[in-house]
Amino acid sequence: MKARGWRRIGIVLSVIWVIVGSFWGNTIGIHEGDFAKAKYDVCVRKDQSDLAKCTADFETDYKRDTQNLWLYVAILAFVPILIAWGCVAVVRWVRRGFVEP
């Protein structure tokens, strides 16, 4: 298989990883709000008469806890690709060092 074929495979895998990594990062970011949801559930069970306060607290806590959602998405979508392509570049550089002039 020629180098162009491997490069195309790398591009296809990179595109697939951007999609998978984005969903994975989104899931992690959303789960950062699990504590706010648990706190809301306890508040509702304990004090059902003040549902508006529980809801307001939940909205504030959830927004604060999930504010870094896009950071997780970006890191998991793009950092592994940069590392992989960087490793490929280093391997090529080392191989070129062993080629006789």
PDB file of N, CA and C in Angstrom:
ATOM      1  N   MET A   1       0.840  -1.175   0.000  1.00  0.00           N
ATOM      2  CA  MET A   1       0.000   0.000   0.000  1.00  0.00           C
ATOM      3  C   MET A   1       0.888   1.242   0.000  1.00  0.00           C
ATOM      4  N   LYS A   2       0.598   2.180  -0.855  1.00  0.00           N
ATOM      5  CA  LYS A   2       1.408   3.378  -0.962  1.00  0.00           C
ATOM      6  C   LYS A   2       1.161   4.311   0.214  1.00  0.00           C
ATOM      7  N   ALA A   3       2.079   5.259   0.369  1.00  0.00           N
ATOM      8  CA  ALA A   3       1.967   6.220   1.472  1.00  0.00           C
ATOM      9  C   ALA A   3       0.685   7.039   1.366  1.00  0.00           C
ATOM     10  N   ARG A   4       0.256   7.339   0.150  1.00  0.00           N
ATOM     11  CA  ARG A   4      -0.983   8.110  -0.019  1.00  0.00           C
ATOM     12  C   ARG A   4      -2.182   7.351   0.525  1.00  0.00           C
ATOM     13  N   GLY A   5      -2.169   6.035   0.360  1.00  0.00           N
ATOM     14  CA  GLY A   5      -3.260   5.215   0.887  1.00  0.00           C
ATOM     15  C   GLY A   5      -3.311   5.271   2.409  1.00  0.00           C
ATOM     16  N   TRP A   6      -2.141   5.178   3.057  1.00  0.00           N
ATOM     17  CA  TRP A   6      -2.087   5.274   4.517  1.00  0.00           C
ATOM     18  C   TRP A   6      -2.535   6.643   4.987  1.00  0.00           C
ATOM     19  N   ARG A   7      -2.153   7.679   4.240  1.00  0.00           N
ATOM     20  CA  ARG A   7      -2.548   9.040   4.601  1.00  0.00           C
ATOM     21  C   ARG A   7      -4.070   9.178   4.535  1.00  0.00           C
ATOM     22  N   ARG A   8      -4.668   8.592   3.505  1.00  0.00           N
ATOM     23  CA  ARG A   8      -6.130   8.658   3.383  1.00  0.00           C
ATOM     24  C   ARG A   8      -6.806   7.895   4.511  1.00  0.00           C
ATOM     25  N   ILE A   9      -6.235   6.747   4.868  1.00  0.00           N
ATOM     26  CA  ILE A   9      -6.781   6.006   6.006  1.00  0.00           C
ATOM     27  C   ILE A   9      -6.686   6.863   7.276  1.00  0.00           C
ATOM     28  N   GLY A  10      -5.575   7.545   7.451  1.00  0.00           N
ATOM     29  CA  GLY A  10      -5.401   8.426   8.609  1.00  0.00           C
ATOM     30  C   GLY A  10      -6.414   9.548   8.631  1.00  0.00           C
ATOM     31  N   ILE A  11      -6.701  10.117   7.473  1.00  0.00           N
ATOM     32  CA  ILE A  11      -7.689  11.198   7.401  1.00  0.00           C
ATOM     33  C   ILE A  11      -9.081  10.680   7.731  1.00  0.00           C
ATOM     34  N   VAL A  12      -9.430   9.527   7.175  1.00  0.00           N
ATOM     35  CA  VAL A  12     -10.751   8.946   7.463  1.00  0.00           C
ATOM     36  C   VAL A  12     -10.882   8.631   8.944  1.00  0.00           C
ATOM     37  N   LEU A  13      -9.853   8.022   9.524  1.00  0.00           N
ATOM     38  CA  LEU A  13      -9.894   7.716  10.957  1.00  0.00           C
ATOM     39  C   LEU A  13      -9.949   8.980  11.801  1.00  0.00           C
ATOM     40  N   SER A  14      -9.279  10.027  11.362  1.00  0.00           N
ATOM     41  CA  SER A  14      -9.322  11.295  12.088  1.00  0.00           C
ATOM     42  C   SER A  14     -10.727  11.888  12.083  1.00  0.00           C
ATOM     43  N   VAL A  15     -11.378  11.848  10.937  1.00  0.00           N
ATOM     44  CA  VAL A  15     -12.748  12.368  10.853  1.00  0.00           C
ATOM     45  C   VAL A  15     -13.684  11.550  11.740  1.00  0.00           C
ATOM     46  N   ILE A  16     -13.523  10.232  11.703  1.00  0.00           N
ATOM     47  CA  ILE A  16     -14.352   9.376  12.563  1.00  0.00           C
ATOM     48  C   ILE A  16     -14.086   9.703  14.027  1.00  0.00           C
ATOM     49  N   TRP A  17     -12.817   9.896  14.380  1.00  0.00           N
ATOM     50  CA  TRP A  17     -12.491  10.198  15.773  1.00  0.00           C
ATOM     51  C   TRP A  17     -13.062  11.542  16.209  1.00  0.00           C
ATOM     52  N   VAL A  18     -13.064  12.540  15.330  1.00  0.00           N
ATOM     53  CA  VAL A  18     -13.644  13.837  15.702  1.00  0.00           C
ATOM     54  C   VAL A  18     -15.104  13.653  16.100  1.00  0.00           C
ATOM     55  N   ILE A  19     -15.819  12.830  15.365  1.00  0.00           N
ATOM     56  CA  ILE A  19     -17.228  12.585  15.678  1.00  0.00           C
ATOM     57  C   ILE A  19     -17.347  11.821  17.000  1.00  0.00           C
ATOM     58  N   VAL A  20     -16.603  10.719  17.142  1.00  0.00           N
ATOM     59  CA  VAL A  20     -16.671   9.905  18.357  1.00  0.00           C
ATOM     60  C   VAL A  20     -16.183  10.701  19.568  1.00  0.00           C
ATOM     61  N   GLY A  21     -15.064  11.382  19.423  1.00  0.00           N
ATOM     62  CA  GLY A  21     -14.513  12.165  20.525  1.00  0.00           C
ATOM     63  C   GLY A  21     -15.433  13.295  20.954  1.00  0.00           C
ATOM     64  N   SER A  22     -16.127  13.900  19.998  1.00  0.00           N
ATOM     65  CA  SER A  22     -17.076  14.958  20.333  1.00  0.00           C
ATOM     66  C   SER A  22     -18.224  14.421  21.172  1.00  0.00           C
ATOM     67  N   PHE A  23     -18.767  13.279  20.770  1.00  0.00           N
ATOM     68  CA  PHE A  23     -19.849  12.682  21.551  1.00  0.00           C
ATOM     69  C   PHE A  23     -19.360  12.254  22.937  1.00  0.00           C
ATOM     70  N   TRP A  24     -18.171  11.695  22.989  1.00  0.00           N
ATOM     71  CA  TRP A  24     -17.609  11.265  24.261  1.00  0.00           C
ATOM     72  C   TRP A  24     -17.386  12.462  25.189  1.00  0.00           C
ATOM     73  N   GLY A  25     -16.803  13.534  24.653  1.00  0.00           N
ATOM     74  CA  GLY A  25     -16.585  14.744  25.444  1.00  0.00           C
ATOM     75  C   GLY A  25     -17.895  15.368  25.900  1.00  0.00           C
ATOM     76  N   ASN A  26     -18.898  15.335  25.028  1.00  0.00           N
ATOM     77  CA  ASN A  26     -20.210  15.862  25.395  1.00  0.00           C
ATOM     78  C   ASN A  26     -20.806  15.062  26.552  1.00  0.00           C
ATOM     79  N   THR A  27     -20.667  13.743  26.485  1.00  0.00           N
ATOM     80  CA  THR A  27     -21.182  12.883  27.558  1.00  0.00           C
ATOM     81  C   THR A  27     -20.479  13.177  28.878  1.00  0.00           C
ATOM     82  N   ILE A  28     -19.165  13.321  28.835  1.00  0.00           N
ATOM     83  CA  ILE A  28     -18.416  13.636  30.055  1.00  0.00           C
ATOM     84  C   ILE A  28     -18.837  14.993  30.598  1.00  0.00           C
ATOM     85  N   GLY A  29     -18.978  15.971  29.722  1.00  0.00           N
ATOM     86  CA  GLY A  29     -19.390  17.305  30.148  1.00  0.00           C
ATOM     87  C   GLY A  29     -20.772  17.328  30.773  1.00  0.00           C
ATOM     88  N   ILE A  30     -21.692  16.567  30.204  1.00  0.00           N
ATOM     89  CA  ILE A  30     -23.043  16.499  30.760  1.00  0.00           C
ATOM     90  C   ILE A  30     -23.024  15.814  32.122  1.00  0.00           C
ATOM     91  N   HIS A  31     -22.213  14.773  32.269  1.00  0.00           N
ATOM     92  CA  HIS A  31     -22.146  14.063  33.550  1.00  0.00           C
ATOM     93  C   HIS A  31     -21.506  14.906  34.647  1.00  0.00           C
ATOM     94  N   GLU A  32     -20.864  16.002  34.298  1.00  0.00           N
ATOM     95  CA  GLU A  32     -20.363  16.912  35.323  1.00  0.00           C
ATOM     96  C   GLU A  32     -21.524  17.520  36.120  1.00  0.00           C
ATOM     97  N   GLY A  33     -22.713  17.529  35.521  1.00  0.00           N
ATOM     98  CA  GLY A  33     -23.892  18.058  36.196  1.00  0.00           C
ATOM     99  C   GLY A  33     -24.644  17.039  37.026  1.00  0.00           C
ATOM    100  N   ASP A  34     -24.109  15.831  37.166  1.00  0.00           N
ATOM    101  CA  ASP A  34     -24.798  14.791  37.937  1.00  0.00           C
ATOM    102  C   ASP A  34     -24.960  15.169  39.409  1.00  0.00           C
ATOM    103  N   PHE A  35     -23.973  15.876  39.960  1.00  0.00           N
ATOM    104  CA  PHE A  35     -24.082  16.285  41.361  1.00  0.00           C
ATOM    105  C   PHE A  35     -25.238  17.266  41.539  1.00  0.00           C
ATOM    106  N   ALA A  36     -25.413  18.169  40.588  1.00  0.00           N
ATOM    107  CA  ALA A  36     -26.525  19.126  40.670  1.00  0.00           C
ATOM    108  C   ALA A  36     -27.860  18.396  40.612  1.00  0.00           C
ATOM    109  N   LYS A  37     -27.935  17.370  39.774  1.00  0.00           N
ATOM    110  CA  LYS A  37     -29.178  16.596  39.673  1.00  0.00           C
ATOM    111  C   LYS A  37     -29.445  15.835  40.965  1.00  0.00           C
ATOM    112  N   ALA A  38     -28.418  15.236  41.536  1.00  0.00           N
ATOM    113  CA  ALA A  38     -28.581  14.514  42.804  1.00  0.00           C
ATOM    114  C   ALA A  38     -29.007  15.473  43.915  1.00  0.00           C
ATOM    115  N   LYS A  39     -28.409  16.646  43.923  1.00  0.00           N
ATOM    116  CA  LYS A  39     -28.771  17.663  44.927  1.00  0.00           C
ATOM    117  C   LYS A  39     -30.226  18.096  44.751  1.00  0.00           C
ATOM    118  N   TYR A  40     -30.653  18.239  43.513  1.00  0.00           N
ATOM    119  CA  TYR A  40     -32.042  18.603  43.222  1.00  0.00           C
ATOM    120  C   TYR A  40     -32.998  17.509  43.696  1.00  0.00           C
ATOM    121  N   ASP A  41     -32.663  16.255  43.429  1.00  0.00           N
ATOM    122  CA  ASP A  41     -33.515  15.138  43.856  1.00  0.00           C
ATOM    123  C   ASP A  41     -33.674  15.116  45.380  1.00  0.00           C
ATOM    124  N   VAL A  42     -32.578  15.341  46.097  1.00  0.00           N
ATOM    125  CA  VAL A  42     -32.637  15.376  47.561  1.00  0.00           C
ATOM    126  C   VAL A  42     -33.497  16.544  48.022  1.00  0.00           C
ATOM    127  N   CYS A  43     -33.334  17.696  47.397  1.00  0.00           N
ATOM    128  CA  CYS A  43     -34.096  18.885  47.759  1.00  0.00           C
ATOM    129  C   CYS A  43     -35.590  18.655  47.546  1.00  0.00           C
ATOM    130  N   VAL A  44     -35.943  18.039  46.437  1.00  0.00           N
ATOM    131  CA  VAL A  44     -37.358  17.793  46.141  1.00  0.00           C
ATOM    132  C   VAL A  44     -37.949  16.799  47.138  1.00  0.00           C
ATOM    133  N   ARG A  45     -37.206  15.755  47.453  1.00  0.00           N
ATOM    134  CA  ARG A  45     -37.710  14.757  48.409  1.00  0.00           C
ATOM    135  C   ARG A  45     -37.840  15.339  49.812  1.00  0.00           C
ATOM    136  N   LYS A  46     -36.894  16.192  50.174  1.00  0.00           N
ATOM    137  CA  LYS A  46     -36.870  16.743  51.531  1.00  0.00           C
ATOM    138  C   LYS A  46     -37.875  17.873  51.707  1.00  0.00           C
ATOM    139  N   ASP A  47     -37.965  18.759  50.729  1.00  0.00           N
ATOM    140  CA  ASP A  47     -38.784  19.966  50.885  1.00  0.00           C
ATOM    141  C   ASP A  47     -39.618  20.172  49.623  1.00  0.00           C
ATOM    142  N   GLN A  48     -40.691  19.433  49.498  1.00  0.00           N
ATOM    143  CA  GLN A  48     -41.529  19.504  48.298  1.00  0.00           C
ATOM    144  C   GLN A  48     -42.320  20.808  48.221  1.00  0.00           C
ATOM    145  N   SER A  49     -42.467  21.520  49.332  1.00  0.00           N
ATOM    146  CA  SER A  49     -43.250  22.752  49.311  1.00  0.00           C
ATOM    147  C   SER A  49     -42.521  23.884  48.597  1.00  0.00           C
ATOM    148  N   ASP A  50     -41.195  23.819  48.558  1.00  0.00           N
ATOM    149  CA  ASP A  50     -40.420  24.901  47.933  1.00  0.00           C
ATOM    150  C   ASP A  50     -39.766  24.406  46.644  1.00  0.00           C
ATOM    151  N   LEU A  51     -40.585  23.924  45.746  1.00  0.00           N
ATOM    152  CA  LEU A  51     -40.094  23.369  44.472  1.00  0.00           C
ATOM    153  C   LEU A  51     -39.425  24.429  43.608  1.00  0.00           C
ATOM    154  N   ALA A  52     -39.926  25.665  43.664  1.00  0.00           N
ATOM    155  CA  ALA A  52     -39.338  26.741  42.858  1.00  0.00           C
ATOM    156  C   ALA A  52     -37.895  27.013  43.278  1.00  0.00           C
ATOM    157  N   LYS A  53     -37.631  26.994  44.596  1.00  0.00           N
ATOM    158  CA  LYS A  53     -36.259  27.221  45.071  1.00  0.00           C
ATOM    159  C   LYS A  53     -35.352  26.074  44.644  1.00  0.00           C
ATOM    160  N   CYS A  54     -35.849  24.836  44.743  1.00  0.00           N
ATOM    161  CA  CYS A  54     -35.057  23.678  44.306  1.00  0.00           C
ATOM    162  C   CYS A  54     -34.717  23.783  42.826  1.00  0.00           C
ATOM    163  N   THR A  55     -35.694  24.174  42.023  1.00  0.00           N
ATOM    164  CA  THR A  55     -35.482  24.303  40.584  1.00  0.00           C
ATOM    165  C   THR A  55     -34.494  25.419  40.266  1.00  0.00           C
ATOM    166  N   ALA A  56     -34.628  26.547  40.942  1.00  0.00           N
ATOM    167  CA  ALA A  56     -33.707  27.668  40.715  1.00  0.00           C
ATOM    168  C   ALA A  56     -32.281  27.284  41.098  1.00  0.00           C
ATOM    169  N   ASP A  57     -32.137  26.597  42.237  1.00  0.00           N
ATOM    170  CA  ASP A  57     -30.806  26.152  42.659  1.00  0.00           C
ATOM    171  C   ASP A  57     -30.225  25.154  41.658  1.00  0.00           C
ATOM    172  N   PHE A  58     -31.073  24.238  41.175  1.00  0.00           N
ATOM    173  CA  PHE A  58     -30.609  23.257  40.194  1.00  0.00           C
ATOM    174  C   PHE A  58     -30.114  23.946  38.925  1.00  0.00           C
ATOM    175  N   GLU A  59     -30.887  24.895  38.421  1.00  0.00           N
ATOM    176  CA  GLU A  59     -30.489  25.580  37.183  1.00  0.00           C
ATOM    177  C   GLU A  59     -29.162  26.298  37.353  1.00  0.00           C
ATOM    178  N   THR A  60     -28.979  26.944  38.503  1.00  0.00           N
ATOM    179  CA  THR A  60     -27.714  27.643  38.761  1.00  0.00           C
ATOM    180  C   THR A  60     -26.554  26.646  38.881  1.00  0.00           C
ATOM    181  N   ASP A  61     -26.764  25.592  39.670  1.00  0.00           N
ATOM    182  CA  ASP A  61     -25.700  24.601  39.881  1.00  0.00           C
ATOM    183  C   ASP A  61     -25.351  23.863  38.589  1.00  0.00           C
ATOM    184  N   TYR A  62     -26.359  23.467  37.832  1.00  0.00           N
ATOM    185  CA  TYR A  62     -26.123  22.706  36.601  1.00  0.00           C
ATOM    186  C   TYR A  62     -25.379  23.551  35.577  1.00  0.00           C
ATOM    187  N   LYS A  63     -25.781  24.809  35.459  1.00  0.00           N
ATOM    188  CA  LYS A  63     -25.088  25.699  34.505  1.00  0.00           C
ATOM    189  C   LYS A  63     -23.626  25.866  34.901  1.00  0.00           C
ATOM    190  N   ARG A  64     -23.381  26.029  36.208  1.00  0.00           N
ATOM    191  CA  ARG A  64     -22.007  26.183  36.681  1.00  0.00           C
ATOM    192  C   ARG A  64     -21.199  24.904  36.462  1.00  0.00           C
ATOM    193  N   ASP A  65     -21.798  23.759  36.761  1.00  0.00           N
ATOM    194  CA  ASP A  65     -21.078  22.486  36.657  1.00  0.00           C
ATOM    195  C   ASP A  65     -20.792  22.073  35.219  1.00  0.00           C
ATOM    196  N   THR A  66     -21.641  22.472  34.290  1.00  0.00           N
ATOM    197  CA  THR A  66     -21.454  22.056  32.895  1.00  0.00           C
ATOM    198  C   THR A  66     -20.896  23.173  32.012  1.00  0.00           C
ATOM    199  N   GLN A  67     -20.357  24.210  32.606  1.00  0.00           N
ATOM    200  CA  GLN A  67     -19.854  25.330  31.805  1.00  0.00           C
ATOM    201  C   GLN A  67     -18.631  24.953  30.963  1.00  0.00           C
ATOM    202  N   ASN A  68     -17.927  23.908  31.343  1.00  0.00           N
ATOM    203  CA  ASN A  68     -16.743  23.478  30.591  1.00  0.00           C
ATOM    204  C   ASN A  68     -17.049  22.371  29.587  1.00  0.00           C
ATOM    205  N   LEU A  69     -18.302  22.195  29.239  1.00  0.00           N
ATOM    206  CA  LEU A  69     -18.716  21.136  28.322  1.00  0.00           C
ATOM    207  C   LEU A  69     -17.958  21.213  27.004  1.00  0.00           C
ATOM    208  N   TRP A  70     -17.852  22.387  26.409  1.00  0.00           N
ATOM    209  CA  TRP A  70     -17.188  22.516  25.108  1.00  0.00           C
ATOM    210  C   TRP A  70     -15.692  22.295  25.205  1.00  0.00           C
ATOM    211  N   LEU A  71     -15.133  22.530  26.375  1.00  0.00           N
ATOM    212  CA  LEU A  71     -13.716  22.242  26.571  1.00  0.00           C
ATOM    213  C   LEU A  71     -13.472  20.733  26.495  1.00  0.00           C
ATOM    214  N   TYR A  72     -14.337  19.946  27.137  1.00  0.00           N
ATOM    215  CA  TYR A  72     -14.233  18.493  27.056  1.00  0.00           C
ATOM    216  C   TYR A  72     -14.396  18.019  25.607  1.00  0.00           C
ATOM    217  N   VAL A  73     -15.359  18.593  24.911  1.00  0.00           N
ATOM    218  CA  VAL A  73     -15.595  18.207  23.510  1.00  0.00           C
ATOM    219  C   VAL A  73     -14.350  18.486  22.670  1.00  0.00           C
ATOM    220  N   ALA A  74     -13.804  19.683  22.805  1.00  0.00           N
ATOM    221  CA  ALA A  74     -12.638  20.054  21.999  1.00  0.00           C
ATOM    222  C   ALA A  74     -11.416  19.197  22.328  1.00  0.00           C
ATOM    223  N   ILE A  75     -11.183  18.968  23.605  1.00  0.00           N
ATOM    224  CA  ILE A  75     -10.008  18.182  24.004  1.00  0.00           C
ATOM    225  C   ILE A  75     -10.114  16.751  23.489  1.00  0.00           C
ATOM    226  N   LEU A  76     -11.258  16.122  23.706  1.00  0.00           N
ATOM    227  CA  LEU A  76     -11.385  14.724  23.295  1.00  0.00           C
ATOM    228  C   LEU A  76     -11.512  14.560  21.783  1.00  0.00           C
ATOM    229  N   ALA A  77     -11.954  15.589  21.092  1.00  0.00           N
ATOM    230  CA  ALA A  77     -12.091  15.478  19.638  1.00  0.00           C
ATOM    231  C   ALA A  77     -10.760  15.716  18.921  1.00  0.00           C
ATOM    232  N   PHE A  78      -9.953  16.663  19.407  1.00  0.00           N
ATOM    233  CA  PHE A  78      -8.793  17.086  18.620  1.00  0.00           C
ATOM    234  C   PHE A  78      -7.426  16.722  19.198  1.00  0.00           C
ATOM    235  N   VAL A  79      -7.274  16.656  20.495  1.00  0.00           N
ATOM    236  CA  VAL A  79      -5.955  16.365  21.074  1.00  0.00           C
ATOM    237  C   VAL A  79      -5.442  14.978  20.673  1.00  0.00           C
ATOM    238  N   PRO A  80      -6.275  13.915  20.722  1.00  0.00           N
ATOM    239  CA  PRO A  80      -5.752  12.614  20.278  1.00  0.00           C
ATOM    240  C   PRO A  80      -5.297  12.612  18.815  1.00  0.00           C
ATOM    241  N   ILE A  81      -5.980  13.372  17.969  1.00  0.00           N
ATOM    242  CA  ILE A  81      -5.581  13.449  16.563  1.00  0.00           C
ATOM    243  C   ILE A  81      -4.231  14.149  16.438  1.00  0.00           C
ATOM    244  N   LEU A  82      -4.058  15.229  17.175  1.00  0.00           N
ATOM    245  CA  LEU A  82      -2.781  15.940  17.130  1.00  0.00           C
ATOM    246  C   LEU A  82      -1.642  15.052  17.638  1.00  0.00           C
ATOM    247  N   ILE A  83      -1.907  14.289  18.675  1.00  0.00           N
ATOM    248  CA  ILE A  83      -0.883  13.373  19.194  1.00  0.00           C
ATOM    249  C   ILE A  83      -0.557  12.294  18.160  1.00  0.00           C
ATOM    250  N   ALA A  84      -1.574  11.718  17.541  1.00  0.00           N
ATOM    251  CA  ALA A  84      -1.347  10.650  16.554  1.00  0.00           C
ATOM    252  C   ALA A  84      -0.560  11.168  15.353  1.00  0.00           C
ATOM    253  N   TRP A  85      -0.969  12.306  14.800  1.00  0.00           N
ATOM    254  CA  TRP A  85      -0.255  12.846  13.646  1.00  0.00           C
ATOM    255  C   TRP A  85       1.151  13.296  14.032  1.00  0.00           C
ATOM    256  N   GLY A  86       1.324  13.765  15.270  1.00  0.00           N
ATOM    257  CA  GLY A  86       2.663  14.112  15.747  1.00  0.00           C
ATOM    258  C   GLY A  86       3.558  12.890  15.837  1.00  0.00           C
ATOM    259  N   CYS A  87       3.007  11.770  16.304  1.00  0.00           N
ATOM    260  CA  CYS A  87       3.775  10.519  16.370  1.00  0.00           C
ATOM    261  C   CYS A  87       4.173  10.045  14.975  1.00  0.00           C
ATOM    262  N   VAL A  88       3.260  10.171  14.033  1.00  0.00           N
ATOM    263  CA  VAL A  88       3.563   9.793  12.652  1.00  0.00           C
ATOM    264  C   VAL A  88       4.700  10.658  12.116  1.00  0.00           C
ATOM    265  N   ALA A  89       4.652  11.947  12.402  1.00  0.00           N
ATOM    266  CA  ALA A  89       5.711  12.850  11.936  1.00  0.00           C
ATOM    267  C   ALA A  89       7.062  12.493  12.552  1.00  0.00           C
ATOM    268  N   VAL A  90       7.067  12.145  13.826  1.00  0.00           N
ATOM    269  CA  VAL A  90       8.322  11.775  14.491  1.00  0.00           C
ATOM    270  C   VAL A  90       8.877  10.485  13.906  1.00  0.00           C
ATOM    271  N   VAL A  91       8.019   9.484  13.665  1.00  0.00           N
ATOM    272  CA  VAL A  91       8.473   8.227  13.078  1.00  0.00           C
ATOM    273  C   VAL A  91       9.063   8.474  11.693  1.00  0.00           C
ATOM    274  N   ARG A  92       8.418   9.294  10.889  1.00  0.00           N
ATOM    275  CA  ARG A  92       8.956   9.614   9.550  1.00  0.00           C
ATOM    276  C   ARG A  92      10.301  10.312   9.656  1.00  0.00           C
ATOM    277  N   TRP A  93      10.431  11.218  10.609  1.00  0.00           N
ATOM    278  CA  TRP A  93      11.670  11.961  10.792  1.00  0.00           C
ATOM    279  C   TRP A  93      12.801  11.011  11.180  1.00  0.00           C
ATOM    280  N   VAL A  94      12.515  10.066  12.083  1.00  0.00           N
ATOM    281  CA  VAL A  94      13.524   9.105  12.512  1.00  0.00           C
ATOM    282  C   VAL A  94      13.908   8.193  11.345  1.00  0.00           C
ATOM    283  N   ARG A  95      12.933   7.724  10.584  1.00  0.00           N
ATOM    284  CA  ARG A  95      13.234   6.878   9.425  1.00  0.00           C
ATOM    285  C   ARG A  95      14.120   7.591   8.412  1.00  0.00           C
ATOM    286  N   ARG A  96      13.858   8.875   8.179  1.00  0.00           N
ATOM    287  CA  ARG A  96      14.688   9.632   7.250  1.00  0.00           C
ATOM    288  C   ARG A  96      16.133   9.708   7.719  1.00  0.00           C
ATOM    289  N   GLY A  97      16.328   9.659   9.024  1.00  0.00           N
ATOM    290  CA  GLY A  97      17.676   9.693   9.585  1.00  0.00           C
ATOM    291  C   GLY A  97      18.471   8.435   9.286  1.00  0.00           C
ATOM    292  N   PHE A  98      17.800   7.309   9.019  1.00  0.00           N
ATOM    293  CA  PHE A  98      18.471   6.057   8.733  1.00  0.00           C
ATOM    294  C   PHE A  98      18.675   5.817   7.248  1.00  0.00           C
ATOM    295  N   VAL A  99      18.121   6.646   6.401  1.00  0.00           N
ATOM    296  CA  VAL A  99      18.284   6.480   4.964  1.00  0.00           C
ATOM    297  C   VAL A  99      19.673   6.985   4.576  1.00  0.00           C
ATOM    298  N   GLU A 100      20.385   6.172   3.787  1.00  0.00           N
ATOM    299  CA  GLU A 100      21.726   6.571   3.371  1.00  0.00           C
ATOM    300  C   GLU A 100      21.618   7.688   2.355  1.00  0.00           C
ATOM    301  N   PRO A 101      22.495   8.691   2.498  1.00  0.00           N
ATOM    302  CA  PRO A 101      22.454   9.841   1.562  1.00  0.00           C
ATOM    303  C   PRO A 101      22.917   9.518   0.176  1.00  0.00           C
TER     304      PRO A 101
END
